[in-house]
Protein backbone atom coordinates (compact mmCIF):
# COMPACT_ATOMS: atom_id res chain seq x y z
CA MET A 1 1.89 -0.99 4.21
CA LYS A 2 0.56 -1.25 0.60
CA LYS A 3 -1.97 1.69 1.78
CA LEU A 4 0.63 3.78 2.99
CA VAL A 5 3.01 3.52 -0.16
CA ALA A 6 -0.38 4.33 -2.14
CA GLU A 7 -1.19 7.12 -0.19
CA PHE A 8 2.62 8.42 -0.24
CA ILE A 9 2.88 8.05 -3.91
CA GLY A 10 -0.61 9.59 -4.71
CA THR A 11 0.12 12.83 -2.43
CA PHE A 12 3.30 13.11 -4.03
CA ALA A 13 1.85 13.09 -7.64
CA LEU A 14 -0.95 15.54 -6.65
CA VAL A 15 1.69 18.18 -4.96
CA PHE A 16 4.46 17.69 -7.56
CA LEU A 17 2.08 18.09 -10.38
CA GLY A 18 0.02 20.56 -9.29
CA CYS A 19 2.49 22.65 -7.75
CA ALA A 20 4.87 22.27 -10.83
CA SER A 21 2.08 23.99 -12.84
CA VAL A 22 2.26 27.16 -10.64
CA VAL A 23 5.87 27.17 -10.47
CA ILE A 24 7.47 26.01 -13.80
CA ALA A 25 4.52 26.30 -16.14
CA GLY A 26 3.35 29.53 -15.07
CA ALA A 27 0.70 31.18 -14.06
CA ASP A 28 0.27 34.34 -16.09
CA GLY A 29 -1.84 32.90 -18.94
CA THR A 30 0.53 34.11 -21.68
CA THR A 31 3.47 31.98 -21.27
CA GLY A 32 2.01 29.72 -18.82
CA VAL A 33 -1.09 27.69 -18.20
CA GLY A 34 -2.84 30.24 -16.26
CA LEU A 35 -5.40 29.79 -13.45
CA VAL A 36 -7.50 27.48 -15.83
CA GLY A 37 -4.60 25.44 -16.36
CA ILE A 38 -3.37 25.06 -12.66
CA ALA A 39 -7.05 24.03 -11.65
CA LEU A 40 -6.96 21.42 -14.34
CA THR A 41 -3.76 19.98 -13.37
CA PHE A 42 -4.74 19.51 -9.88
CA GLY A 43 -7.94 17.83 -10.81
CA LEU A 44 -6.43 15.65 -13.48
CA ALA A 45 -3.78 14.56 -11.21
CA LEU A 46 -6.48 13.70 -8.58
CA ILE A 47 -8.46 11.77 -11.29
CA GLY A 48 -5.32 9.75 -12.28
CA MET A 49 -4.35 8.91 -8.79
CA ALA A 50 -7.80 7.95 -7.94
CA TYR A 51 -7.97 5.17 -10.50
CA GLY A 52 -4.31 4.28 -9.86
CA ILE A 53 -4.59 3.90 -6.09
CA GLY A 54 -7.98 3.94 -5.34
CA PRO A 55 -8.56 0.27 -5.07
CA ILE A 56 -5.55 0.19 -2.82
CA SER A 57 -5.99 3.06 -0.12
CA GLY A 58 -9.12 4.84 -1.10
CA CYS A 59 -6.83 7.56 -2.60
CA HIS A 60 -7.33 10.09 0.13
CA ILE A 61 -3.89 11.64 -0.70
CA ASN A 62 -5.10 14.43 1.89
CA PRO A 63 -5.13 14.42 5.80
CA ALA A 64 -8.76 16.41 5.96
CA VAL A 65 -10.14 13.49 3.65
CA SER A 66 -8.60 10.68 6.22
CA VAL A 67 -10.27 12.76 9.16
CA GLY A 68 -13.55 12.88 7.32
CA ALA A 69 -13.59 9.13 6.72
CA VAL A 70 -12.79 8.58 10.07
CA VAL A 71 -15.56 10.65 11.41
CA ALA A 72 -17.88 9.01 8.97
CA GLY A 73 -17.04 5.50 9.94
CA ARG A 74 -15.47 4.61 6.82
CA MET A 75 -12.02 3.87 8.03
CA PRO A 76 -10.77 2.60 11.72
CA ALA A 77 -9.24 5.45 13.82
CA ALA A 78 -6.01 3.50 14.11
CA ASP A 79 -5.29 4.05 10.65
CA LEU A 80 -5.22 7.70 10.54
CA VAL A 81 -1.96 8.36 11.83
CA GLY A 82 -0.48 6.31 9.20
CA TYR A 83 -2.34 7.67 6.45
CA VAL A 84 -1.37 11.36 7.57
CA LEU A 85 2.13 10.66 8.18
CA ALA A 86 2.31 8.98 4.38
CA GLN A 87 0.68 11.84 3.01
CA LEU A 88 2.89 14.38 4.83
CA ALA A 89 5.67 12.43 3.50
CA GLY A 90 4.64 12.62 -0.15
CA ALA A 91 4.18 16.16 0.06
CA ILE A 92 7.21 16.85 1.35
CA PHE A 93 9.17 14.81 -1.06
CA ALA A 94 7.18 16.31 -3.77
CA ALA A 95 8.34 19.87 -2.73
CA LEU A 96 11.83 18.66 -2.74
CA ALA A 97 11.83 17.10 -6.18
CA LEU A 98 10.29 20.47 -7.40
CA MET A 99 12.76 22.27 -5.90
CA ALA A 100 15.78 20.35 -7.37
CA ILE A 101 14.01 20.88 -10.89
CA ALA A 102 13.10 24.52 -10.54
CA ALA A 103 16.97 25.02 -9.50
CA GLY A 104 17.82 24.13 -13.04
CA ASN A 105 16.31 27.61 -14.00
CA PRO A 106 18.80 30.32 -13.03
CA ASP A 107 15.76 32.88 -12.79
CA HIS A 108 13.75 30.90 -10.59
CA SER A 109 12.47 32.94 -7.71
CA GLY A 110 12.51 30.03 -5.47
CA ALA A 111 8.70 29.68 -5.06
CA LEU A 112 7.42 26.19 -4.88
CA GLY A 113 3.58 26.93 -5.18
CA ALA A 114 2.98 27.47 -1.25
CA THR A 115 -0.54 28.73 -0.67
CA GLY A 116 -1.31 31.97 1.19
CA TRP A 117 -3.96 34.54 1.20
CA SER A 118 -3.41 38.39 0.71
CA THR A 119 -6.14 40.43 -1.24
CA TYR A 120 -9.28 38.88 0.49
CA GLY A 121 -7.65 38.60 4.13
CA ALA A 122 -7.59 35.65 6.69
CA THR A 123 -11.38 35.52 7.43
CA SER A 124 -12.11 34.97 3.76
CA ALA A 125 -9.53 32.44 3.17
CA PHE A 126 -10.61 30.58 6.34
CA LEU A 127 -14.26 30.68 5.03
CA PHE A 128 -13.48 29.38 1.78
CA GLU A 129 -11.20 26.70 2.71
CA LEU A 130 -13.63 25.33 5.51
CA ILE A 131 -16.77 25.38 2.91
CA ALA A 132 -14.84 24.01 -0.18
CA THR A 133 -13.34 21.39 1.88
CA PHE A 134 -16.81 20.33 3.49
CA LEU A 135 -18.03 20.21 -0.19
CA PHE A 136 -15.15 18.34 -1.42
CA VAL A 137 -15.62 15.65 1.42
CA VAL A 138 -19.21 15.20 0.77
CA VAL A 139 -18.57 14.53 -2.85
CA ILE A 140 -15.95 12.01 -2.11
CA LEU A 141 -18.01 10.29 0.79
CA GLY A 142 -21.18 10.29 -1.41
CA ALA A 143 -19.52 9.19 -4.50
CA THR A 144 -17.78 6.45 -2.75
CA GLN A 145 -20.63 4.83 -0.70
CA LYS A 146 -21.68 1.53 -1.36
CA ALA A 147 -25.11 2.58 -3.06
CA ALA A 148 -23.10 4.65 -5.42
CA ALA A 149 -21.89 3.92 -8.77
CA VAL A 150 -18.01 2.77 -8.80
CA GLY A 151 -16.90 4.02 -12.02
CA PRO A 152 -17.43 7.67 -12.09
CA ALA A 153 -16.43 8.33 -8.66
CA GLY A 154 -12.91 9.39 -9.29
CA LEU A 155 -14.11 11.69 -12.10
CA ALA A 156 -16.75 13.29 -9.82
CA VAL A 157 -13.98 13.96 -7.33
CA GLY A 158 -11.54 15.24 -10.00
CA LEU A 159 -13.92 17.73 -11.44
CA THR A 160 -14.89 18.82 -7.91
CA LEU A 161 -11.25 19.67 -7.22
CA ILE A 162 -11.18 21.55 -10.43
CA ALA A 163 -14.15 23.66 -9.36
CA ILE A 164 -12.79 24.53 -6.28
CA HIS A 165 -9.61 25.70 -7.71
CA LEU A 166 -11.39 27.85 -10.44
CA ALA A 167 -13.20 29.49 -7.64
CA GLY A 168 -10.63 29.55 -4.63
CA ILE A 169 -7.45 30.25 -6.16
CA PRO A 170 -7.71 34.34 -5.91
CA ILE A 171 -9.10 33.93 -2.57
CA SER A 172 -7.02 31.36 -0.72
CA GLY A 173 -4.93 29.51 -3.20
CA ALA A 174 -7.60 26.79 -3.04
CA SER A 175 -5.65 24.24 -0.90
CA VAL A 176 -8.45 21.91 0.71
CA ASN A 177 -5.48 19.76 1.71
CA PRO A 178 -2.99 20.39 4.72
CA ALA A 179 -0.24 17.95 3.16
CA ARG A 180 -0.51 20.16 -0.39
CA SER A 181 0.04 23.38 2.00
CA ILE A 182 2.34 21.85 4.41
CA GLY A 183 4.73 20.50 1.80
CA PRO A 184 5.85 23.58 -0.22
CA ALA A 185 5.64 25.79 2.90
CA LEU A 186 8.48 24.07 4.71
CA PHE A 187 10.73 25.16 2.30
CA SER A 188 9.25 28.46 1.22
CA GLY A 189 9.33 29.76 4.93
CA GLY A 190 8.03 33.51 5.65
CA ALA A 191 4.70 34.01 5.17
CA ALA A 192 3.95 30.63 4.07
CA ILE A 193 4.67 29.26 7.42
CA GLY A 194 2.76 31.86 9.30
CA GLN A 195 -0.05 31.21 7.49
CA LEU A 196 0.00 27.60 7.54
CA TRP A 197 -2.27 27.13 10.64
CA LEU A 198 -5.26 28.31 8.51
CA TYR A 199 -4.79 25.41 5.76
CA ILE A 200 -4.65 22.97 8.49
CA VAL A 201 -7.46 23.95 10.74
CA ALA A 202 -10.26 25.19 8.29
CA PRO A 203 -9.78 22.09 5.86
CA ILE A 204 -9.92 19.55 8.95
CA LEU A 205 -13.14 21.30 10.32
CA GLY A 206 -14.75 21.23 7.03
CA ALA A 207 -14.05 17.46 6.44
CA ALA A 208 -15.08 16.55 9.99
CA VAL A 209 -18.37 18.25 9.70
CA ALA A 210 -18.97 16.47 6.40
CA GLY A 211 -18.00 13.17 8.16
CA PHE A 212 -20.37 13.84 11.07
CA LEU A 213 -23.28 14.05 8.38
CA PHE A 214 -22.45 10.85 6.83
CA ARG A 215 -22.30 9.06 10.17
CA ASN A 216 -25.32 10.24 11.38
CA LYS A 217 -27.33 9.18 8.24
CA MET A 218 -28.01 12.94 7.44
CA LEU A 219 -26.43 12.10 4.08
CA GLY A 220 -25.68 9.18 2.48
CA LEU A 221 -27.40 5.96 1.37
CA GLU A 222 -25.56 3.37 3.39
């Protein structure tokens, strides 16, 4: 139960703070934080949670990461459903909290930071989410293996998430996390729901490939 509570809180923090940087702090770079600020918010939130709940649950806070951990043999398959449900619950409650706060602004458009693609199209978005999640999970599994230095792991993972957002926000919104996309999409409707499949399928496939490489000793030192 401690692990599930930790995953709920960690996912809540990531989605709440990250999406708030999009919805409330602004993305235009003039009155708001801009693309760099959004990328930093997601990465810094992950770094904080890595040190806050990492020793308890591993700080997956992402269903794709949990899938990668199971495929790699780092987590029992029996724990996967509980982790994913806790992560989804955290993301949904984060979207609800953000919606309640944003409602205090009469000019708020109702947007909740849902991910989506437009300019680059579905193929580009799918490829980016697949590749970026693969690289993300490679960093996570590599940085947390027994042979790796313990201290810098959270920093390495958070910095990687920042890089992914800097590169991918214009392409796909840079989700690499099904829970992060599902939470806001449920209350946004429309295109956010219609495009949600990509943000579930591509990250899970990318994470599974990374896990497979570690499980078969093609990567890693364990």
